[in-house]
N, C-alpha and C. Protein backbone atom coordinates (compact mmCIF):
# COMPACT_ATOMS: atom_id res chain seq x y z
N MET A 1 8.02 -4.67 -17.35
CA MET A 1 8.25 -3.83 -16.48
C MET A 1 7.73 -4.62 -15.05
N THR A 2 8.29 -4.13 -14.02
CA THR A 2 8.43 -4.48 -12.88
C THR A 2 7.23 -3.75 -12.29
N ASP A 3 6.43 -4.25 -11.20
CA ASP A 3 5.31 -4.04 -10.33
C ASP A 3 5.92 -2.50 -9.78
N ALA A 4 5.21 -1.76 -9.40
CA ALA A 4 6.14 -0.56 -8.28
C ALA A 4 5.87 -1.18 -6.65
N THR A 5 7.08 -1.22 -6.38
CA THR A 5 6.47 -1.87 -4.78
C THR A 5 7.59 -1.27 -4.14
N THR A 6 7.32 -1.01 -2.79
CA THR A 6 7.53 -0.39 -1.77
C THR A 6 9.04 -1.29 -1.32
N THR A 7 10.39 -0.81 -1.25
CA THR A 7 11.31 -1.41 -1.01
C THR A 7 12.21 -0.19 0.18
N ALA A 8 12.89 -0.74 1.08
CA ALA A 8 13.92 -0.17 2.16
C ALA A 8 14.45 0.75 1.44
N ASN A 9 14.85 0.80 0.69
CA ASN A 9 16.01 2.01 -0.19
C ASN A 9 15.43 2.85 -1.47
N ASP A 10 13.95 3.08 -1.10
CA ASP A 10 13.68 3.20 -2.49
C ASP A 10 13.10 4.71 -2.20
N GLY A 11 13.90 5.83 -0.65
CA GLY A 11 12.70 6.77 -0.68
C GLY A 11 11.45 6.74 -0.45
N GLY A 12 10.66 5.84 0.06
CA GLY A 12 9.74 5.66 0.38
C GLY A 12 8.76 6.55 -1.16
N GLU A 13 8.66 6.09 -1.90
CA GLU A 13 7.98 6.37 -3.02
C GLU A 13 7.32 5.10 -3.40
N GLY A 14 7.62 3.97 -3.08
CA GLY A 14 6.89 3.21 -3.39
C GLY A 14 6.98 2.43 -4.92
N LEU A 15 8.46 3.08 -5.55
CA LEU A 15 9.07 2.35 -6.68
C LEU A 15 10.66 2.22 -6.81
N LYS A 16 10.26 0.76 -7.58
CA LYS A 16 11.62 0.62 -7.82
C LYS A 16 12.23 0.49 -9.30
N PRO A 17 13.78 0.65 -9.54
CA PRO A 17 13.65 0.36 -11.00
C PRO A 17 13.66 -1.12 -11.55
N ASP A 18 13.72 -1.32 -12.72
CA ASP A 18 13.23 -2.04 -13.18
C ASP A 18 14.65 -3.30 -13.17
N GLU A 19 15.39 -2.25 -13.58
CA GLU A 19 17.16 -3.14 -13.39
C GLU A 19 17.96 -2.05 -12.58
N LEU A 20 19.27 -2.69 -12.39
CA LEU A 20 20.00 -2.20 -11.85
C LEU A 20 21.70 -2.86 -12.53
N ILE A 21 22.07 -1.84 -13.20
CA ILE A 21 23.37 -2.06 -14.15
C ILE A 21 24.56 -1.16 -13.46
N PRO A 22 25.65 -2.14 -13.30
CA PRO A 22 26.63 -1.26 -12.61
C PRO A 22 27.10 -0.49 -13.73
N TYR A 23 27.81 0.32 -13.92
CA TYR A 23 28.71 1.17 -15.29
C TYR A 23 30.03 1.59 -14.60
N LYS A 24 30.57 1.20 -13.36
CA LYS A 24 31.75 1.72 -12.80
C LYS A 24 32.38 1.22 -11.58
N LYS A 25 33.28 0.89 -11.55
CA LYS A 25 33.95 0.56 -10.18
C LYS A 25 35.17 1.23 -9.77
N VAL A 26 35.23 1.88 -9.31
CA VAL A 26 36.35 2.64 -8.22
C VAL A 26 36.80 2.10 -6.77
N GLY A 27 37.80 1.41 -6.84
CA GLY A 27 38.43 0.77 -5.65
C GLY A 27 37.17 -0.25 -5.58
N ASP A 28 37.06 -0.27 -3.99
CA ASP A 28 35.62 -1.43 -3.72
C ASP A 28 34.47 -0.94 -3.71
N VAL A 29 34.05 0.26 -4.57
CA VAL A 29 33.06 1.04 -4.75
C VAL A 29 32.17 0.68 -6.09
N GLU A 30 31.19 0.38 -6.23
CA GLU A 30 30.49 -0.07 -7.54
C GLU A 30 29.11 1.07 -7.74
N LEU A 31 29.21 1.64 -8.17
CA LEU A 31 28.18 2.33 -8.88
C LEU A 31 26.96 1.87 -10.33
N SER A 32 26.38 1.99 -10.17
CA SER A 32 25.07 1.38 -10.56
C SER A 32 24.16 2.62 -11.35
N LEU A 33 23.46 2.30 -12.47
CA LEU A 33 22.25 2.96 -13.03
C LEU A 33 21.56 2.73 -12.61
N HIS A 34 19.82 2.67 -12.40
CA HIS A 34 19.06 2.70 -11.89
C HIS A 34 17.85 2.78 -13.10
N ILE A 35 17.74 1.63 -14.06
CA ILE A 35 17.10 1.83 -14.80
C ILE A 35 15.41 1.73 -15.29
N PHE A 36 14.79 2.44 -15.62
CA PHE A 36 13.30 2.44 -15.33
C PHE A 36 12.92 2.20 -17.14
N ARG A 37 12.06 1.46 -17.63
CA ARG A 37 11.97 1.08 -19.13
C ARG A 37 10.70 1.21 -19.21
N PRO A 38 9.97 1.63 -20.47
CA PRO A 38 9.27 1.68 -21.20
C PRO A 38 8.35 0.51 -21.40
N ASP A 39 7.13 0.28 -21.63
CA ASP A 39 6.24 -0.89 -21.92
C ASP A 39 6.66 -1.01 -23.84
N GLY A 40 5.96 -1.93 -24.04
CA GLY A 40 6.52 -1.88 -25.48
C GLY A 40 7.65 -2.32 -26.45
N ALA A 41 7.71 -1.68 -27.74
CA ALA A 41 8.56 -2.15 -28.73
C ALA A 41 10.25 -1.69 -27.81
N ASP A 42 11.30 -1.72 -28.37
CA ASP A 42 12.41 -1.89 -27.85
C ASP A 42 13.42 -1.46 -29.11
N GLY A 43 13.83 -0.09 -28.54
CA GLY A 43 14.97 0.45 -29.64
C GLY A 43 14.56 1.87 -30.30
N ASN A 44 15.61 2.90 -30.16
CA ASN A 44 15.37 3.84 -30.61
C ASN A 44 14.69 4.76 -29.45
N ARG A 45 14.91 5.28 -28.89
CA ARG A 45 14.05 5.26 -27.74
C ARG A 45 14.80 6.82 -27.32
N PRO A 46 13.90 7.69 -26.72
CA PRO A 46 14.92 8.97 -26.28
C PRO A 46 14.64 8.02 -24.99
N GLY A 47 15.98 9.19 -23.86
CA GLY A 47 15.98 8.65 -22.68
C GLY A 47 17.23 9.66 -22.20
N ILE A 48 16.73 9.88 -20.46
CA ILE A 48 17.39 10.56 -20.05
C ILE A 48 18.12 10.06 -18.55
N LEU A 49 19.36 10.81 -18.30
CA LEU A 49 20.04 10.07 -17.11
C LEU A 49 20.00 11.35 -15.79
N PHE A 50 19.30 11.48 -14.94
CA PHE A 50 19.18 12.33 -13.64
C PHE A 50 20.39 11.65 -12.76
N PHE A 51 20.78 12.63 -12.00
CA PHE A 51 21.49 12.56 -11.00
C PHE A 51 21.18 13.47 -9.85
N PHE A 52 20.99 12.57 -8.63
CA PHE A 52 20.31 13.24 -7.40
C PHE A 52 21.06 14.55 -6.72
N GLY A 53 20.55 15.03 -5.86
CA GLY A 53 21.02 16.32 -5.01
C GLY A 53 21.26 15.86 -3.67
N GLY A 54 22.15 17.09 -3.32
CA GLY A 54 22.55 16.51 -1.81
C GLY A 54 23.68 17.32 -1.78
N ALA A 55 24.46 18.14 -2.43
CA ALA A 55 25.24 19.44 -1.88
C ALA A 55 26.69 18.52 -1.93
N TRP A 56 26.36 17.41 -3.01
CA TRP A 56 28.36 16.78 -2.85
C TRP A 56 27.82 15.56 -1.89
N ARG A 57 27.30 15.73 -0.80
CA ARG A 57 27.62 15.20 -0.01
C ARG A 57 26.88 13.55 0.53
N GLY A 58 25.51 13.96 -0.37
CA GLY A 58 24.82 12.32 0.26
C GLY A 58 23.46 12.69 -0.70
N GLY A 59 22.83 11.37 -0.59
CA GLY A 59 21.72 11.17 -1.48
C GLY A 59 21.64 10.26 -2.02
N SER A 60 20.15 10.08 -2.59
CA SER A 60 20.23 8.75 -3.60
C SER A 60 19.07 9.29 -5.04
N PRO A 61 19.87 8.03 -5.99
CA PRO A 61 18.94 8.07 -6.97
C PRO A 61 17.41 7.97 -6.90
N SER A 62 17.12 7.41 -6.00
CA SER A 62 15.79 6.99 -5.36
C SER A 62 15.11 8.72 -5.66
N GLN A 63 15.63 9.48 -5.22
CA GLN A 63 14.75 10.56 -5.15
C GLN A 63 14.43 11.40 -6.49
N PHE A 64 14.93 10.47 -7.82
CA PHE A 64 14.20 10.69 -9.23
C PHE A 64 13.21 9.44 -9.59
N TYR A 65 13.08 8.59 -8.88
CA TYR A 65 12.06 7.56 -9.36
C TYR A 65 10.87 7.84 -9.80
N PRO A 66 10.06 9.01 -9.32
CA PRO A 66 8.83 8.78 -9.56
C PRO A 66 9.08 9.79 -10.78
N HIS A 67 10.35 10.31 -11.33
CA HIS A 67 10.25 11.17 -12.79
C HIS A 67 10.30 10.52 -13.34
N CYS A 68 11.34 9.09 -12.85
CA CYS A 68 11.76 8.26 -13.78
C CYS A 68 10.69 7.33 -14.71
N ARG A 69 9.70 7.03 -13.26
CA ARG A 69 8.72 5.78 -13.58
C ARG A 69 7.57 6.71 -14.64
N PHE A 70 7.01 8.21 -14.45
CA PHE A 70 6.49 8.43 -15.24
C PHE A 70 6.85 8.89 -16.75
N LEU A 71 8.37 8.90 -17.05
CA LEU A 71 8.81 9.51 -18.16
C LEU A 71 8.92 7.65 -18.84
N ALA A 72 9.22 6.66 -18.25
CA ALA A 72 9.40 5.50 -18.47
C ALA A 72 7.60 5.37 -19.62
N SER A 73 6.67 5.62 -18.38
CA SER A 73 5.00 5.37 -18.69
C SER A 73 5.12 6.39 -20.10
N ARG A 74 6.06 7.18 -20.00
CA ARG A 74 5.49 8.31 -21.45
C ARG A 74 6.71 7.81 -23.14
N GLY A 75 6.99 6.53 -22.50
CA GLY A 75 7.78 6.03 -23.75
C GLY A 75 9.25 6.17 -23.69
N MET A 76 9.88 6.75 -22.67
CA MET A 76 11.83 7.08 -22.43
C MET A 76 11.58 5.83 -21.92
N VAL A 77 13.29 5.62 -21.95
CA VAL A 77 14.29 5.34 -21.19
C VAL A 77 14.72 6.11 -19.87
N ALA A 78 14.27 5.91 -18.72
CA ALA A 78 14.97 7.27 -17.49
C ALA A 78 15.85 6.48 -17.10
N ILE A 79 16.56 6.52 -16.20
CA ILE A 79 18.08 6.26 -15.63
C ILE A 79 17.92 7.65 -14.54
N GLY A 80 18.31 6.44 -13.48
CA GLY A 80 18.88 7.75 -11.76
C GLY A 80 20.69 7.04 -12.10
N GLY A 81 21.27 7.82 -11.92
CA GLY A 81 22.32 7.80 -11.74
C GLY A 81 23.54 7.84 -10.53
N GLU A 82 24.18 6.39 -10.05
CA GLU A 82 24.58 6.49 -8.96
C GLU A 82 25.90 7.43 -8.97
N TYR A 83 26.51 8.21 -8.13
CA TYR A 83 27.40 8.90 -7.86
C TYR A 83 28.36 8.85 -6.49
N ARG A 84 29.79 9.01 -6.64
CA ARG A 84 30.21 9.28 -5.11
C ARG A 84 29.95 10.69 -4.39
N VAL A 85 29.86 10.12 -3.24
CA VAL A 85 29.51 11.51 -2.40
C VAL A 85 30.27 11.84 -1.63
N GLU A 86 30.43 13.24 -0.64
CA GLU A 86 31.77 13.38 0.62
C GLU A 86 31.04 12.40 1.57
N LEU A 87 30.04 12.46 2.31
CA LEU A 87 29.57 11.49 3.18
C LEU A 87 29.74 9.96 3.23
N GLN A 88 29.94 9.53 2.53
CA GLN A 88 29.88 8.11 2.09
C GLN A 88 30.89 7.71 1.69
N HIS A 89 31.77 8.14 0.67
CA HIS A 89 32.61 8.62 0.09
C HIS A 89 34.38 8.89 0.18
N GLY A 90 34.03 9.97 0.25
CA GLY A 90 35.20 10.95 1.03
C GLY A 90 35.64 12.15 -0.18
N THR A 91 34.81 12.05 -0.49
CA THR A 91 35.14 12.87 -2.59
C THR A 91 34.64 14.15 -2.58
N THR A 92 35.27 14.71 -3.39
CA THR A 92 34.82 16.14 -3.99
C THR A 92 33.92 16.42 -5.16
N PRO A 93 33.53 17.43 -5.12
CA PRO A 93 32.65 17.57 -6.28
C PRO A 93 33.54 17.34 -7.63
N PHE A 94 34.40 17.14 -7.59
CA PHE A 94 35.57 16.94 -8.93
C PHE A 94 35.24 15.76 -9.44
N GLU A 95 34.85 14.63 -7.98
CA GLU A 95 34.80 13.22 -8.37
C GLU A 95 33.51 13.06 -8.81
N CYS A 96 32.70 13.54 -8.28
CA CYS A 96 30.96 13.47 -8.71
C CYS A 96 30.74 13.66 -10.17
N VAL A 97 31.38 14.86 -10.53
CA VAL A 97 31.54 15.09 -12.09
C VAL A 97 32.03 14.18 -12.76
N THR A 98 33.18 13.54 -12.48
CA THR A 98 33.80 12.84 -13.26
C THR A 98 33.01 11.51 -13.25
N ASP A 99 32.28 10.87 -11.94
CA ASP A 99 31.14 9.49 -12.23
C ASP A 99 30.02 9.96 -13.08
N GLY A 100 29.49 11.17 -12.92
CA GLY A 100 28.51 11.69 -13.75
C GLY A 100 28.70 11.21 -15.59
N LYS A 101 29.80 12.21 -15.75
CA LYS A 101 30.90 11.82 -17.03
C LYS A 101 30.63 10.14 -17.66
N SER A 102 30.93 10.06 -16.29
CA SER A 102 31.58 8.01 -16.77
C SER A 102 30.02 7.75 -17.08
N ALA A 103 28.92 7.84 -16.10
CA ALA A 103 27.55 7.20 -16.56
C ALA A 103 27.41 7.52 -17.78
N MET A 104 27.13 9.21 -18.28
CA MET A 104 26.65 9.46 -19.39
C MET A 104 27.63 8.70 -20.62
N ARG A 105 29.14 8.64 -20.54
CA ARG A 105 29.61 8.03 -21.18
C ARG A 105 29.37 6.37 -21.93
N TRP A 106 29.29 5.38 -20.63
CA TRP A 106 28.01 4.47 -20.39
C TRP A 106 27.16 4.31 -21.05
N VAL A 107 26.24 5.05 -20.79
CA VAL A 107 24.83 4.98 -21.61
C VAL A 107 24.93 5.06 -23.02
N ARG A 108 25.46 6.39 -23.37
CA ARG A 108 26.06 6.39 -25.13
C ARG A 108 26.68 5.59 -25.69
N ALA A 109 27.24 4.09 -24.85
CA ALA A 109 27.62 3.29 -25.21
C ALA A 109 27.37 2.00 -25.82
N HIS A 110 26.69 1.96 -24.64
CA HIS A 110 25.34 0.87 -24.56
C HIS A 110 23.96 0.79 -25.03
N ALA A 111 23.79 2.04 -25.65
CA ALA A 111 22.78 2.62 -25.77
C ALA A 111 21.75 1.70 -26.69
N ASP A 112 22.40 0.98 -27.89
CA ASP A 112 21.77 0.08 -28.28
C ASP A 112 21.09 -1.49 -27.06
N GLU A 113 21.72 -2.28 -26.35
CA GLU A 113 21.25 -2.65 -25.53
C GLU A 113 20.28 -2.22 -24.52
N LEU A 114 20.34 -0.60 -23.89
CA LEU A 114 19.11 -0.06 -23.44
C LEU A 114 17.99 0.26 -24.40
N GLY A 115 18.30 -0.14 -25.71
CA GLY A 115 17.09 0.76 -26.22
C GLY A 115 16.85 2.05 -26.87
N LEU A 116 18.05 2.63 -26.66
CA LEU A 116 18.29 4.16 -26.46
C LEU A 116 18.40 4.98 -28.16
N ASP A 117 18.40 6.00 -28.56
CA ASP A 117 18.69 6.69 -29.35
C ASP A 117 20.30 7.47 -29.40
N PRO A 118 21.19 7.15 -29.49
CA PRO A 118 22.52 7.84 -28.48
C PRO A 118 22.56 9.39 -28.68
N ALA A 119 21.83 9.79 -29.56
CA ALA A 119 21.59 11.07 -30.29
C ALA A 119 20.79 12.06 -29.62
N ARG A 120 19.97 10.95 -29.07
CA ARG A 120 18.41 11.71 -27.84
C ARG A 120 18.35 11.35 -26.37
N ILE A 121 19.83 11.68 -25.98
CA ILE A 121 19.66 11.35 -24.33
C ILE A 121 19.91 12.84 -23.86
N ALA A 122 18.78 13.07 -22.63
CA ALA A 122 19.06 14.24 -22.09
C ALA A 122 20.19 13.99 -20.34
N SER A 123 19.97 15.02 -19.81
CA SER A 123 20.94 14.69 -18.56
C SER A 123 20.11 15.90 -17.80
N GLY A 124 19.43 15.30 -16.58
CA GLY A 124 19.29 16.51 -15.48
C GLY A 124 19.58 16.06 -14.29
N GLY A 125 19.24 16.96 -13.33
CA GLY A 125 19.53 16.46 -11.94
C GLY A 125 18.56 17.69 -10.89
N GLY A 126 18.94 17.55 -9.87
CA GLY A 126 18.55 18.47 -8.51
C GLY A 126 19.97 19.10 -7.77
N SER A 127 20.15 20.42 -8.06
CA SER A 127 21.07 20.58 -7.01
C SER A 127 22.25 20.23 -7.28
N ALA A 128 23.32 19.65 -6.58
CA ALA A 128 24.69 19.28 -7.05
C ALA A 128 24.50 18.21 -8.35
N GLY A 129 23.13 17.35 -8.35
CA GLY A 129 22.92 16.54 -9.71
C GLY A 129 22.47 17.73 -10.78
N GLY A 130 21.98 18.80 -10.79
CA GLY A 130 22.28 19.70 -12.06
C GLY A 130 23.48 20.17 -12.36
N HIS A 131 23.90 20.17 -11.22
CA HIS A 131 25.41 20.66 -11.54
C HIS A 131 26.40 19.09 -12.56
N VAL A 132 25.97 18.31 -11.90
CA VAL A 132 26.81 17.20 -12.40
C VAL A 132 26.34 17.01 -14.06
N ALA A 133 24.71 17.22 -14.22
CA ALA A 133 24.00 16.89 -15.17
C ALA A 133 24.88 18.21 -16.24
N ALA A 134 25.01 19.30 -15.94
CA ALA A 134 25.30 20.35 -17.05
C ALA A 134 26.71 20.13 -16.73
N ALA A 135 27.66 19.15 -16.37
CA ALA A 135 29.00 19.41 -16.71
C ALA A 135 28.87 18.29 -17.69
N CYS A 136 28.19 17.26 -17.34
CA CYS A 136 28.15 15.75 -18.90
C CYS A 136 28.20 16.49 -20.21
N ALA A 137 27.61 17.98 -20.13
CA ALA A 137 27.92 18.28 -21.45
C ALA A 137 28.75 19.34 -21.57
N THR A 138 29.18 19.99 -20.78
CA THR A 138 29.81 21.43 -20.61
C THR A 138 31.52 20.97 -20.45
N VAL A 139 31.82 19.92 -19.62
CA VAL A 139 33.26 19.86 -18.96
C VAL A 139 33.63 18.61 -19.82
N GLU A 140 35.29 19.12 -20.43
CA GLU A 140 36.07 18.37 -20.38
C GLU A 140 36.70 17.09 -19.76
């Protein structure tokens, strides 16, 4: 695991993910997962995928960096998911949900390499991100 150091784009929390993994490309936009890994043995751990809030207009995965680092310190693989937003990409909530579902599919498909149990992956978020998280489980 990396040291918690301040970077320009971490929301001022003094934290950064252990790894950024691209999960989707739409046109020239590449979306990444911000991975926080627990110390210790790999494999079969529970995980969580967080989506940031921002009224579908803006925001950053760094909103949940403190939560991710805390849960990783308790043995979970914690992930902040990027998704397209209106102010940066000209998208609607429909594309936000599409990206969130793509992120969850990617995480489940790559559970082994992430050290996750694919049957124990939660999703959460704030505001619009909470809607994206709920849609991961409820929208076809």
